[in-house]
Full PDB file with SEQRES, HELIX, SHEET, SSBOND, CRYST1, ORIGX, SCALE, CONECT and MASTER records, all heavy atoms in Angstrom:
SEQRES   1 A   33  VAL SER VAL GLN VAL ASN ALA VAL VAL TYR PHE ARG VAL          
SEQRES   2 A   33  VAL GLU PRO GLY LYS ALA ILE ILE GLN VAL GLU ARG TYR          
SEQRES   3 A   33  LEU GLU ALA THR SER GLN LEU                                  
HELIX    1 AA1 PRO A   16  ILE A   21  1                                   6    
HELIX    2 AA2 TYR A   26  GLN A   32  1                                   7    
CRYST1    1.000    1.000    1.000  90.00  90.00  90.00 P 1           1          
ORIGX1      1.000000  0.000000  0.000000        0.00000                         
ORIGX2      0.000000  1.000000  0.000000        0.00000                         
ORIGX3      0.000000  0.000000  1.000000        0.00000                         
SCALE1      1.000000  0.000000  0.000000        0.00000                         
SCALE2      0.000000  1.000000  0.000000        0.00000                         
SCALE3      0.000000  0.000000  1.000000        0.00000                         
ATOM      1  N   VAL A   1    -105.268 171.174  47.216  1.00  0.00           N  
ATOM      2  CA  VAL A   1    -106.644 171.573  46.947  1.00  0.00           C  
ATOM      3  C   VAL A   1    -107.439 171.415  48.243  1.00  0.00           C  
ATOM      4  O   VAL A   1    -107.418 170.355  48.870  1.00  0.00           O  
ATOM      5  CB  VAL A   1    -107.269 170.725  45.825  1.00  0.00           C  
ATOM      6  CG1 VAL A   1    -108.719 171.130  45.604  1.00  0.00           C  
ATOM      7  CG2 VAL A   1    -106.472 170.885  44.536  1.00  0.00           C  
ATOM      8  N   SER A   2    -108.134 172.488  48.633  1.00  0.00           N  
ATOM      9  CA  SER A   2    -108.915 172.456  49.871  1.00  0.00           C  
ATOM     10  C   SER A   2    -110.318 171.942  49.584  1.00  0.00           C  
ATOM     11  O   SER A   2    -111.030 172.487  48.730  1.00  0.00           O  
ATOM     12  CB  SER A   2    -108.978 173.862  50.480  1.00  0.00           C  
ATOM     13  OG  SER A   2    -109.757 173.848  51.668  1.00  0.00           O  
ATOM     14  N   VAL A   3    -110.736 170.902  50.305  1.00  0.00           N  
ATOM     15  CA  VAL A   3    -112.057 170.306  50.139  1.00  0.00           C  
ATOM     16  C   VAL A   3    -112.666 170.058  51.510  1.00  0.00           C  
ATOM     17  O   VAL A   3    -111.974 170.041  52.529  1.00  0.00           O  
ATOM     18  CB  VAL A   3    -111.990 168.985  49.348  1.00  0.00           C  
ATOM     19  CG1 VAL A   3    -111.495 169.215  47.943  1.00  0.00           C  
ATOM     20  CG2 VAL A   3    -111.092 167.972  50.057  1.00  0.00           C  
ATOM     21  N   GLN A   4    -113.976 169.888  51.514  1.00  0.00           N  
ATOM     22  CA  GLN A   4    -114.704 169.513  52.720  1.00  0.00           C  
ATOM     23  C   GLN A   4    -115.275 168.117  52.534  1.00  0.00           C  
ATOM     24  O   GLN A   4    -115.996 167.862  51.559  1.00  0.00           O  
ATOM     25  CB  GLN A   4    -115.829 170.504  53.019  1.00  0.00           C  
ATOM     26  CG  GLN A   4    -115.376 171.736  53.781  1.00  0.00           C  
ATOM     27  CD  GLN A   4    -116.528 172.498  54.380  1.00  0.00           C  
ATOM     28  OE1 GLN A   4    -117.683 172.306  54.002  1.00  0.00           O  
ATOM     29  NE2 GLN A   4    -116.244 173.364  55.332  1.00  0.00           N  
ATOM     30  N   VAL A   5    -114.952 167.238  53.470  1.00  0.00           N  
ATOM     31  CA  VAL A   5    -115.334 165.834  53.358  1.00  0.00           C  
ATOM     32  C   VAL A   5    -116.111 165.440  54.606  1.00  0.00           C  
ATOM     33  O   VAL A   5    -115.688 165.729  55.730  1.00  0.00           O  
ATOM     34  CB  VAL A   5    -114.095 164.930  53.195  1.00  0.00           C  
ATOM     35  CG1 VAL A   5    -114.521 163.480  53.029  1.00  0.00           C  
ATOM     36  CG2 VAL A   5    -113.245 165.383  52.018  1.00  0.00           C  
ATOM     37  N   ASN A   6    -117.250 164.802  54.412  1.00  0.00           N  
ATOM     38  CA  ASN A   6    -117.974 164.203  55.532  1.00  0.00           C  
ATOM     39  C   ASN A   6    -118.208 162.729  55.242  1.00  0.00           C  
ATOM     40  O   ASN A   6    -118.276 162.317  54.084  1.00  0.00           O  
ATOM     41  CB  ASN A   6    -119.282 164.930  55.812  1.00  0.00           C  
ATOM     42  CG  ASN A   6    -120.220 164.879  54.624  1.00  0.00           C  
ATOM     43  OD1 ASN A   6    -119.795 164.658  53.499  1.00  0.00           O  
ATOM     44  ND2 ASN A   6    -121.497 165.076  54.860  1.00  0.00           N  
ATOM     45  N   ALA A   7    -118.325 161.956  56.300  1.00  0.00           N  
ATOM     46  CA  ALA A   7    -118.435 160.508  56.155  1.00  0.00           C  
ATOM     47  C   ALA A   7    -119.303 159.957  57.276  1.00  0.00           C  
ATOM     48  O   ALA A   7    -119.740 160.686  58.180  1.00  0.00           O  
ATOM     49  CB  ALA A   7    -117.051 159.857  56.177  1.00  0.00           C  
ATOM     50  N   VAL A   8    -119.552 158.654  57.213  1.00  0.00           N  
ATOM     51  CA  VAL A   8    -120.317 157.958  58.246  1.00  0.00           C  
ATOM     52  C   VAL A   8    -119.566 156.677  58.595  1.00  0.00           C  
ATOM     53  O   VAL A   8    -119.008 156.016  57.715  1.00  0.00           O  
ATOM     54  CB  VAL A   8    -121.751 157.661  57.769  1.00  0.00           C  
ATOM     55  CG1 VAL A   8    -121.754 156.803  56.518  1.00  0.00           C  
ATOM     56  CG2 VAL A   8    -122.554 156.996  58.865  1.00  0.00           C  
ATOM     57  N   VAL A   9    -119.516 156.370  59.884  1.00  0.00           N  
ATOM     58  CA  VAL A   9    -118.795 155.206  60.402  1.00  0.00           C  
ATOM     59  C   VAL A   9    -119.792 154.279  61.092  1.00  0.00           C  
ATOM     60  O   VAL A   9    -120.625 154.735  61.890  1.00  0.00           O  
ATOM     61  CB  VAL A   9    -117.686 155.623  61.388  1.00  0.00           C  
ATOM     62  CG1 VAL A   9    -116.977 154.392  61.947  1.00  0.00           C  
ATOM     63  CG2 VAL A   9    -116.680 156.539  60.706  1.00  0.00           C  
ATOM     64  N   TYR A  10    -119.699 152.995  60.789  1.00  0.00           N  
ATOM     65  CA  TYR A  10    -120.529 151.970  61.422  1.00  0.00           C  
ATOM     66  C   TYR A  10    -119.628 151.090  62.287  1.00  0.00           C  
ATOM     67  O   TYR A  10    -118.644 150.516  61.785  1.00  0.00           O  
ATOM     68  CB  TYR A  10    -121.239 151.111  60.381  1.00  0.00           C  
ATOM     69  CG  TYR A  10    -122.149 151.887  59.458  1.00  0.00           C  
ATOM     70  CD1 TYR A  10    -121.682 152.411  58.260  1.00  0.00           C  
ATOM     71  CD2 TYR A  10    -123.483 152.093  59.786  1.00  0.00           C  
ATOM     72  CE1 TYR A  10    -122.516 153.124  57.416  1.00  0.00           C  
ATOM     73  CE2 TYR A  10    -124.331 152.801  58.946  1.00  0.00           C  
ATOM     74  CZ  TYR A  10    -123.835 153.314  57.758  1.00  0.00           C  
ATOM     75  OH  TYR A  10    -124.660 154.015  56.928  1.00  0.00           O  
ATOM     76  N   PHE A  11    -119.958 150.987  63.577  1.00  0.00           N  
ATOM     77  CA  PHE A  11    -119.156 150.160  64.472  1.00  0.00           C  
ATOM     78  C   PHE A  11    -120.050 149.578  65.548  1.00  0.00           C  
ATOM     79  O   PHE A  11    -121.197 150.018  65.745  1.00  0.00           O  
ATOM     80  CB  PHE A  11    -118.018 150.974  65.103  1.00  0.00           C  
ATOM     81  CG  PHE A  11    -118.478 152.005  66.100  1.00  0.00           C  
ATOM     82  CD1 PHE A  11    -118.547 151.704  67.458  1.00  0.00           C  
ATOM     83  CD2 PHE A  11    -118.847 153.270  65.685  1.00  0.00           C  
ATOM     84  CE1 PHE A  11    -118.978 152.647  68.374  1.00  0.00           C  
ATOM     85  CE2 PHE A  11    -119.283 154.225  66.591  1.00  0.00           C  
ATOM     86  CZ  PHE A  11    -119.348 153.908  67.937  1.00  0.00           C  
ATOM     87  N   ARG A  12    -119.522 148.578  66.241  1.00  0.00           N  
ATOM     88  CA  ARG A  12    -120.248 147.943  67.340  1.00  0.00           C  
ATOM     89  C   ARG A  12    -119.272 147.513  68.416  1.00  0.00           C  
ATOM     90  O   ARG A  12    -118.085 147.288  68.146  1.00  0.00           O  
ATOM     91  CB  ARG A  12    -121.054 146.737  66.844  1.00  0.00           C  
ATOM     92  CG  ARG A  12    -120.222 145.655  66.214  1.00  0.00           C  
ATOM     93  CD  ARG A  12    -121.115 144.579  65.606  1.00  0.00           C  
ATOM     94  NE  ARG A  12    -121.897 143.907  66.615  1.00  0.00           N  
ATOM     95  CZ  ARG A  12    -121.524 142.781  67.208  1.00  0.00           C  
ATOM     96  NH1 ARG A  12    -120.385 142.193  66.864  1.00  0.00           N  
ATOM     97  NH2 ARG A  12    -122.275 142.215  68.109  1.00  0.00           N  
ATOM     98  N   VAL A  13    -119.782 147.402  69.625  1.00  0.00           N  
ATOM     99  CA  VAL A  13    -118.975 146.942  70.757  1.00  0.00           C  
ATOM    100  C   VAL A  13    -118.974 145.422  70.770  1.00  0.00           C  
ATOM    101  O   VAL A  13    -120.033 144.790  70.786  1.00  0.00           O  
ATOM    102  CB  VAL A  13    -119.534 147.502  72.083  1.00  0.00           C  
ATOM    103  CG1 VAL A  13    -118.713 146.966  73.258  1.00  0.00           C  
ATOM    104  CG2 VAL A  13    -119.514 149.018  72.076  1.00  0.00           C  
ATOM    105  N   VAL A  14    -117.790 144.828  70.743  1.00  0.00           N  
ATOM    106  CA  VAL A  14    -117.672 143.376  70.780  1.00  0.00           C  
ATOM    107  C   VAL A  14    -117.158 142.876  72.132  1.00  0.00           C  
ATOM    108  O   VAL A  14    -117.380 141.714  72.480  1.00  0.00           O  
ATOM    109  CB  VAL A  14    -116.738 142.886  69.653  1.00  0.00           C  
ATOM    110  CG1 VAL A  14    -117.372 143.139  68.294  1.00  0.00           C  
ATOM    111  CG2 VAL A  14    -115.376 143.547  69.718  1.00  0.00           C  
ATOM    112  N   GLU A  15    -116.500 143.742  72.892  1.00  0.00           N  
ATOM    113  CA  GLU A  15    -116.012 143.389  74.229  1.00  0.00           C  
ATOM    114  C   GLU A  15    -116.436 144.499  75.186  1.00  0.00           C  
ATOM    115  O   GLU A  15    -115.737 145.515  75.305  1.00  0.00           O  
ATOM    116  CB  GLU A  15    -114.502 143.204  74.247  1.00  0.00           C  
ATOM    117  CG  GLU A  15    -114.019 142.063  73.356  1.00  0.00           C  
ATOM    118  CD  GLU A  15    -112.525 141.859  73.469  1.00  0.00           C  
ATOM    119  OE1 GLU A  15    -112.004 141.944  74.605  1.00  0.00           O  
ATOM    120  OE2 GLU A  15    -111.877 141.622  72.434  1.00  0.00           O  
ATOM    121  N   PRO A  16    -117.571 144.336  75.873  1.00  0.00           N  
ATOM    122  CA  PRO A  16    -118.082 145.417  76.729  1.00  0.00           C  
ATOM    123  C   PRO A  16    -117.114 145.815  77.842  1.00  0.00           C  
ATOM    124  O   PRO A  16    -117.045 146.995  78.215  1.00  0.00           O  
ATOM    125  CB  PRO A  16    -119.373 144.823  77.299  1.00  0.00           C  
ATOM    126  CG  PRO A  16    -119.766 143.743  76.342  1.00  0.00           C  
ATOM    127  CD  PRO A  16    -118.484 143.190  75.822  1.00  0.00           C  
ATOM    128  N   GLY A  17    -116.376 144.842  78.379  1.00  0.00           N  
ATOM    129  CA  GLY A  17    -115.443 145.160  79.460  1.00  0.00           C  
ATOM    130  C   GLY A  17    -114.387 146.162  79.023  1.00  0.00           C  
ATOM    131  O   GLY A  17    -114.113 147.154  79.705  1.00  0.00           O  
ATOM    132  N   LYS A  18    -113.787 145.933  77.868  1.00  0.00           N  
ATOM    133  CA  LYS A  18    -112.775 146.868  77.357  1.00  0.00           C  
ATOM    134  C   LYS A  18    -113.391 148.222  77.013  1.00  0.00           C  
ATOM    135  O   LYS A  18    -112.762 149.267  77.221  1.00  0.00           O  
ATOM    136  CB  LYS A  18    -112.093 146.274  76.130  1.00  0.00           C  
ATOM    137  CG  LYS A  18    -111.170 145.108  76.422  1.00  0.00           C  
ATOM    138  CD  LYS A  18    -110.471 144.670  75.151  1.00  0.00           C  
ATOM    139  CE  LYS A  18    -109.506 143.536  75.426  1.00  0.00           C  
ATOM    140  NZ  LYS A  18    -108.795 143.105  74.181  1.00  0.00           N  
ATOM    141  N   ALA A  19    -114.597 148.217  76.461  1.00  0.00           N  
ATOM    142  CA  ALA A  19    -115.223 149.473  76.071  1.00  0.00           C  
ATOM    143  C   ALA A  19    -115.492 150.383  77.264  1.00  0.00           C  
ATOM    144  O   ALA A  19    -115.511 151.609  77.121  1.00  0.00           O  
ATOM    145  CB  ALA A  19    -116.532 149.194  75.330  1.00  0.00           C  
ATOM    146  N   ILE A  20    -115.697 149.795  78.445  1.00  0.00           N  
ATOM    147  CA  ILE A  20    -115.954 150.599  79.641  1.00  0.00           C  
ATOM    148  C   ILE A  20    -114.660 150.910  80.389  1.00  0.00           C  
ATOM    149  O   ILE A  20    -114.476 152.013  80.910  1.00  0.00           O  
ATOM    150  CB  ILE A  20    -116.945 149.875  80.570  1.00  0.00           C  
ATOM    151  CG1 ILE A  20    -118.303 149.692  79.863  1.00  0.00           C  
ATOM    152  CG2 ILE A  20    -117.146 150.641  81.868  1.00  0.00           C  
ATOM    153  CD1 ILE A  20    -118.959 150.991  79.447  1.00  0.00           C  
ATOM    154  N   ILE A  21    -113.728 149.954  80.419  1.00  0.00           N  
ATOM    155  CA  ILE A  21    -112.526 150.118  81.245  1.00  0.00           C  
ATOM    156  C   ILE A  21    -111.424 150.870  80.505  1.00  0.00           C  
ATOM    157  O   ILE A  21    -110.766 151.757  81.064  1.00  0.00           O  
ATOM    158  CB  ILE A  21    -112.022 148.738  81.707  1.00  0.00           C  
ATOM    159  CG1 ILE A  21    -113.074 148.064  82.581  1.00  0.00           C  
ATOM    160  CG2 ILE A  21    -110.709 148.872  82.472  1.00  0.00           C  
ATOM    161  CD1 ILE A  21    -112.735 146.638  82.951  1.00  0.00           C  
ATOM    162  N   GLN A  22    -111.206 150.540  79.234  1.00  0.00           N  
ATOM    163  CA  GLN A  22    -110.043 151.081  78.527  1.00  0.00           C  
ATOM    164  C   GLN A  22    -110.222 152.527  78.061  1.00  0.00           C  
ATOM    165  O   GLN A  22    -109.232 153.217  77.824  1.00  0.00           O  
ATOM    166  CB  GLN A  22    -109.732 150.197  77.311  1.00  0.00           C  
ATOM    167  CG  GLN A  22    -109.402 148.763  77.658  1.00  0.00           C  
ATOM    168  CD  GLN A  22    -108.142 148.659  78.506  1.00  0.00           C  
ATOM    169  OE1 GLN A  22    -107.238 149.488  78.411  1.00  0.00           O  
ATOM    170  NE2 GLN A  22    -108.079 147.635  79.341  1.00  0.00           N  
ATOM    171  N   VAL A  23    -111.447 152.974  77.879  1.00  0.00           N  
ATOM    172  CA  VAL A  23    -111.682 154.333  77.389  1.00  0.00           C  
ATOM    173  C   VAL A  23    -112.835 154.936  78.175  1.00  0.00           C  
ATOM    174  O   VAL A  23    -113.756 154.218  78.596  1.00  0.00           O  
ATOM    175  CB  VAL A  23    -111.989 154.312  75.872  1.00  0.00           C  
ATOM    176  CG1 VAL A  23    -113.242 153.498  75.585  1.00  0.00           C  
ATOM    177  CG2 VAL A  23    -112.108 155.718  75.312  1.00  0.00           C  
ATOM    178  N   GLU A  24    -112.774 156.257  78.392  1.00  0.00           N  
ATOM    179  CA  GLU A  24    -113.773 156.903  79.241  1.00  0.00           C  
ATOM    180  C   GLU A  24    -115.141 156.919  78.577  1.00  0.00           C  
ATOM    181  O   GLU A  24    -116.131 156.443  79.145  1.00  0.00           O  
ATOM    182  CB  GLU A  24    -113.335 158.334  79.565  1.00  0.00           C  
ATOM    183  CG  GLU A  24    -114.286 159.064  80.501  1.00  0.00           C  
ATOM    184  CD  GLU A  24    -113.791 160.456  80.835  1.00  0.00           C  
ATOM    185  OE1 GLU A  24    -112.719 160.840  80.331  1.00  0.00           O  
ATOM    186  OE2 GLU A  24    -114.489 161.164  81.592  1.00  0.00           O  
ATOM    187  N   ARG A  25    -115.231 157.495  77.374  1.00  0.00           N  
ATOM    188  CA  ARG A  25    -116.491 157.512  76.613  1.00  0.00           C  
ATOM    189  C   ARG A  25    -116.151 157.034  75.202  1.00  0.00           C  
ATOM    190  O   ARG A  25    -115.636 157.802  74.377  1.00  0.00           O  
ATOM    191  CB  ARG A  25    -117.092 158.917  76.595  1.00  0.00           C  
ATOM    192  CG  ARG A  25    -117.642 159.366  77.948  1.00  0.00           C  
ATOM    193  CD  ARG A  25    -118.355 160.713  77.815  1.00  0.00           C  
ATOM    194  NE  ARG A  25    -117.394 161.772  77.524  1.00  0.00           N  
ATOM    195  CZ  ARG A  25    -116.744 162.475  78.455  1.00  0.00           C  
ATOM    196  NH1 ARG A  25    -116.966 162.213  79.742  1.00  0.00           N  
ATOM    197  NH2 ARG A  25    -115.908 163.419  78.115  1.00  0.00           N  
ATOM    198  N   TYR A  26    -116.490 155.789  74.938  1.00  0.00           N  
ATOM    199  CA  TYR A  26    -116.042 155.187  73.682  1.00  0.00           C  
ATOM    200  C   TYR A  26    -116.720 155.803  72.460  1.00  0.00           C  
ATOM    201  O   TYR A  26    -116.131 155.839  71.377  1.00  0.00           O  
ATOM    202  CB  TYR A  26    -116.247 153.668  73.719  1.00  0.00           C  
ATOM    203  CG  TYR A  26    -117.670 153.203  73.802  1.00  0.00           C  
ATOM    204  CD1 TYR A  26    -118.433 153.002  72.654  1.00  0.00           C  
ATOM    205  CD2 TYR A  26    -118.270 152.944  75.033  1.00  0.00           C  
ATOM    206  CE1 TYR A  26    -119.743 152.561  72.724  1.00  0.00           C  
ATOM    207  CE2 TYR A  26    -119.576 152.506  75.112  1.00  0.00           C  
ATOM    208  CZ  TYR A  26    -120.315 152.313  73.962  1.00  0.00           C  
ATOM    209  OH  TYR A  26    -121.614 151.885  74.038  1.00  0.00           O  
ATOM    210  N   LEU A  27    -117.941 156.318  72.599  1.00  0.00           N  
ATOM    211  CA  LEU A  27    -118.595 156.964  71.465  1.00  0.00           C  
ATOM    212  C   LEU A  27    -117.855 158.233  71.047  1.00  0.00           C  
ATOM    213  O   LEU A  27    -117.551 158.444  69.869  1.00  0.00           O  
ATOM    214  CB  LEU A  27    -120.047 157.294  71.811  1.00  0.00           C  
ATOM    215  CG  LEU A  27    -121.024 156.120  71.847  1.00  0.00           C  
ATOM    216  CD1 LEU A  27    -122.390 156.586  72.354  1.00  0.00           C  
ATOM    217  CD2 LEU A  27    -121.167 155.507  70.468  1.00  0.00           C  
ATOM    218  N   GLU A  28    -117.564 159.071  72.017  1.00  0.00           N  
ATOM    219  CA  GLU A  28    -116.845 160.313  71.716  1.00  0.00           C  
ATOM    220  C   GLU A  28    -115.430 160.026  71.248  1.00  0.00           C  
ATOM    221  O   GLU A  28    -114.922 160.681  70.324  1.00  0.00           O  
ATOM    222  CB  GLU A  28    -116.832 161.211  72.950  1.00  0.00           C  
ATOM    223  CG  GLU A  28    -116.142 162.550  72.713  1.00  0.00           C  
ATOM    224  CD  GLU A  28    -116.153 163.425  73.949  1.00  0.00           C  
ATOM    225  OE1 GLU A  28    -116.786 163.038  74.959  1.00  0.00           O  
ATOM    226  OE2 GLU A  28    -115.523 164.496  73.910  1.00  0.00           O  
ATOM    227  N   ALA A  29    -114.778 159.050  71.871  1.00  0.00           N  
ATOM    228  CA  ALA A  29    -113.407 158.720  71.474  1.00  0.00           C  
ATOM    229  C   ALA A  29    -113.367 158.194  70.040  1.00  0.00           C  
ATOM    230  O   ALA A  29    -112.481 158.569  69.243  1.00  0.00           O  
ATOM    231  CB  ALA A  29    -112.830 157.686  72.433  1.00  0.00           C  
ATOM    232  N   THR A  30    -114.312 157.354  69.682  1.00  0.00           N  
ATOM    233  CA  THR A  30    -114.347 156.830  68.312  1.00  0.00           C  
ATOM    234  C   THR A  30    -114.644 157.931  67.310  1.00  0.00           C  
ATOM    235  O   THR A  30    -114.076 157.963  66.205  1.00  0.00           O  
ATOM    236  CB  THR A  30    -115.405 155.722  68.204  1.00  0.00           C  
ATOM    237  OG1 THR A  30    -115.136 154.711  69.189  1.00  0.00           O  
ATOM    238  CG2 THR A  30    -115.392 155.092  66.829  1.00  0.00           C  
ATOM    239  N   SER A  31    -115.510 158.866  67.677  1.00  0.00           N  
ATOM    240  CA  SER A  31    -115.823 159.977  66.780  1.00  0.00           C  
ATOM    241  C   SER A  31    -114.600 160.844  66.524  1.00  0.00           C  
ATOM    242  O   SER A  31    -114.297 161.194  65.367  1.00  0.00           O  
ATOM    243  CB  SER A  31    -116.955 160.816  67.377  1.00  0.00           C  
ATOM    244  OG  SER A  31    -117.204 161.957  66.591  1.00  0.00           O  
ATOM    245  N   GLN A  32    -113.891 161.202  67.571  1.00  0.00           N  
ATOM    246  CA  GLN A  32    -112.695 162.040  67.399  1.00  0.00           C  
ATOM    247  C   GLN A  32    -111.616 161.309  66.605  1.00  0.00           C  
ATOM    248  O   GLN A  32    -110.945 161.902  65.744  1.00  0.00           O  
ATOM    249  CB  GLN A  32    -112.158 162.453  68.771  1.00  0.00           C  
ATOM    250  CG  GLN A  32    -113.088 163.339  69.572  1.00  0.00           C  
ATOM    251  CD  GLN A  32    -113.323 164.685  68.901  1.00  0.00           C  
ATOM    252  OE1 GLN A  32    -112.441 165.240  68.258  1.00  0.00           O  
ATOM    253  NE2 GLN A  32    -114.532 165.207  69.036  1.00  0.00           N  
ATOM    254  N   LEU A  33    -111.449 160.036  66.881  1.00  0.00           N  
ATOM    255  CA  LEU A  33    -110.452 159.260  66.144  1.00  0.00           C  
ATOM    256  C   LEU A  33    -110.826 159.136  64.676  1.00  0.00           C  
ATOM    257  O   LEU A  33    -109.955 159.202  63.790  1.00  0.00           O  
ATOM    258  CB  LEU A  33    -110.312 157.876  66.776  1.00  0.00           C  
ATOM    259  CG  LEU A  33    -109.256 156.957  66.157  1.00  0.00           C  
ATOM    260  CD1 LEU A  33    -107.868 157.573  66.243  1.00  0.00           C  
ATOM    261  CD2 LEU A  33    -109.271 155.590  66.838  1.00  0.00           C  
TER     262      LEU A  33                                                      
MASTER        0    0    0    2    0    0    0    6  261    1    0    3          
END                                                                             
């Protein structure tokens, strides 16, 4: 069955060093994931 689903995700950065070093743009990466 084909359906359209939308959702909302709540998240926060807990380790700023990893958020900047490990991924290029963490907002876009989290959205795509």
